[in-house]
Amino acid sequence: MSEVKIFRVKGTLVQQNHKTPFVKELRSTTAEAALERVYTDFGSQHKVTRVHIKVESIEEIKPEEAKNPLIRQLSED
């Protein structure tokens, strides 16, 4: 099995006439899987297509760098 890592995805969500920046922290095995999760989450929550989600960066971070307390707590185990 692959090791679960933490990724921070930064980008912009383009809706109608405005752009909203976002930063999302995810637990995933690969950067590609984390990107796919971002697309599915925003698509279901905000009803936007993948073309409207502009990803600027995907970086692997250490558990102690995570700002989301749930992600940090899950990584301690």
Protein backbone atom coordinates (compact mmCIF):
# COMPACT_ATOMS: atom_id res chain seq x y z
CA MET A 1 0.00 0.00 0.00
CA SER A 2 1.06 3.56 -0.61
CA GLU A 3 1.80 6.00 2.15
CA VAL A 4 -0.76 8.74 2.72
CA LYS A 5 0.70 12.25 2.37
CA ILE A 6 -0.67 15.74 2.92
CA PHE A 7 -0.99 18.12 -0.02
CA ARG A 8 -1.80 21.83 -0.11
CA VAL A 9 -3.57 22.90 -3.30
CA LYS A 10 -3.75 26.62 -4.15
CA GLY A 11 -5.77 28.13 -6.95
CA THR A 12 -8.68 30.25 -8.10
CA LEU A 13 -12.34 29.40 -8.53
CA VAL A 14 -13.88 31.38 -11.41
CA GLN A 15 -17.64 31.90 -11.08
CA GLN A 16 -19.62 34.18 -13.38
CA ASN A 17 -18.03 37.63 -12.90
CA HIS A 18 -15.68 37.11 -9.97
CA LYS A 19 -12.67 35.04 -8.97
CA THR A 20 -12.27 33.47 -5.55
CA PRO A 21 -8.85 32.29 -4.37
CA PHE A 22 -8.72 29.04 -2.41
CA VAL A 23 -6.29 26.94 -0.41
CA LYS A 24 -7.29 23.37 0.33
CA GLU A 25 -5.38 20.80 2.36
CA LEU A 26 -5.98 17.14 1.56
CA ARG A 27 -4.71 13.72 2.55
CA SER A 28 -3.91 11.66 -0.51
CA THR A 29 -1.40 9.14 -1.87
CA THR A 30 -0.38 11.19 -4.94
CA ALA A 31 -0.59 14.77 -6.18
CA GLU A 32 -2.78 13.62 -9.09
CA ALA A 33 -5.29 12.04 -6.70
CA ALA A 34 -5.34 15.24 -4.62
CA LEU A 35 -6.03 17.30 -7.74
CA GLU A 36 -8.86 14.97 -8.74
CA ARG A 37 -10.35 15.34 -5.25
CA VAL A 38 -10.26 19.16 -5.55
CA TYR A 39 -12.09 18.97 -8.88
CA THR A 40 -14.79 16.65 -7.52
CA ASP A 41 -15.27 18.60 -4.26
CA PHE A 42 -15.64 22.00 -5.92
CA GLY A 43 -17.76 20.55 -8.70
CA SER A 44 -20.26 19.09 -6.26
CA GLN A 45 -20.26 21.99 -3.76
CA HIS A 46 -20.21 24.95 -6.15
CA LYS A 47 -21.62 23.41 -9.36
CA VAL A 48 -18.64 24.46 -11.49
CA THR A 49 -16.86 22.50 -14.18
CA ARG A 50 -13.15 21.71 -14.20
CA VAL A 51 -12.48 24.54 -16.65
CA HIS A 52 -13.54 27.04 -13.97
CA ILE A 53 -11.04 25.72 -11.40
CA LYS A 54 -7.57 27.16 -11.99
CA VAL A 55 -4.94 25.35 -9.92
CA GLU A 56 -1.76 27.36 -9.34
CA SER A 57 0.24 24.94 -7.20
CA ILE A 58 0.19 21.56 -5.50
CA GLU A 59 2.76 20.97 -2.80
CA GLU A 60 3.40 18.18 -0.35
CA ILE A 61 3.61 19.47 3.22
CA LYS A 62 4.60 18.03 6.59
CA PRO A 63 1.80 17.21 9.06
CA GLU A 64 2.91 19.98 11.44
CA GLU A 65 2.61 22.57 8.63
CA ALA A 66 -1.08 21.80 8.08
CA LYS A 67 -3.42 24.60 9.14
CA ASN A 68 -6.49 22.37 9.21
CA PRO A 69 -6.67 20.82 12.72
CA LEU A 70 -8.53 17.74 11.46
CA ILE A 71 -5.82 16.97 8.90
CA ARG A 72 -3.15 17.48 11.57
CA GLN A 73 -4.95 15.18 14.03
CA LEU A 74 -5.46 12.41 11.45
CA SER A 75 -1.76 12.51 10.58
CA GLU A 76 -0.61 11.97 14.17
CA ASP A 77 -1.82 8.36 14.24
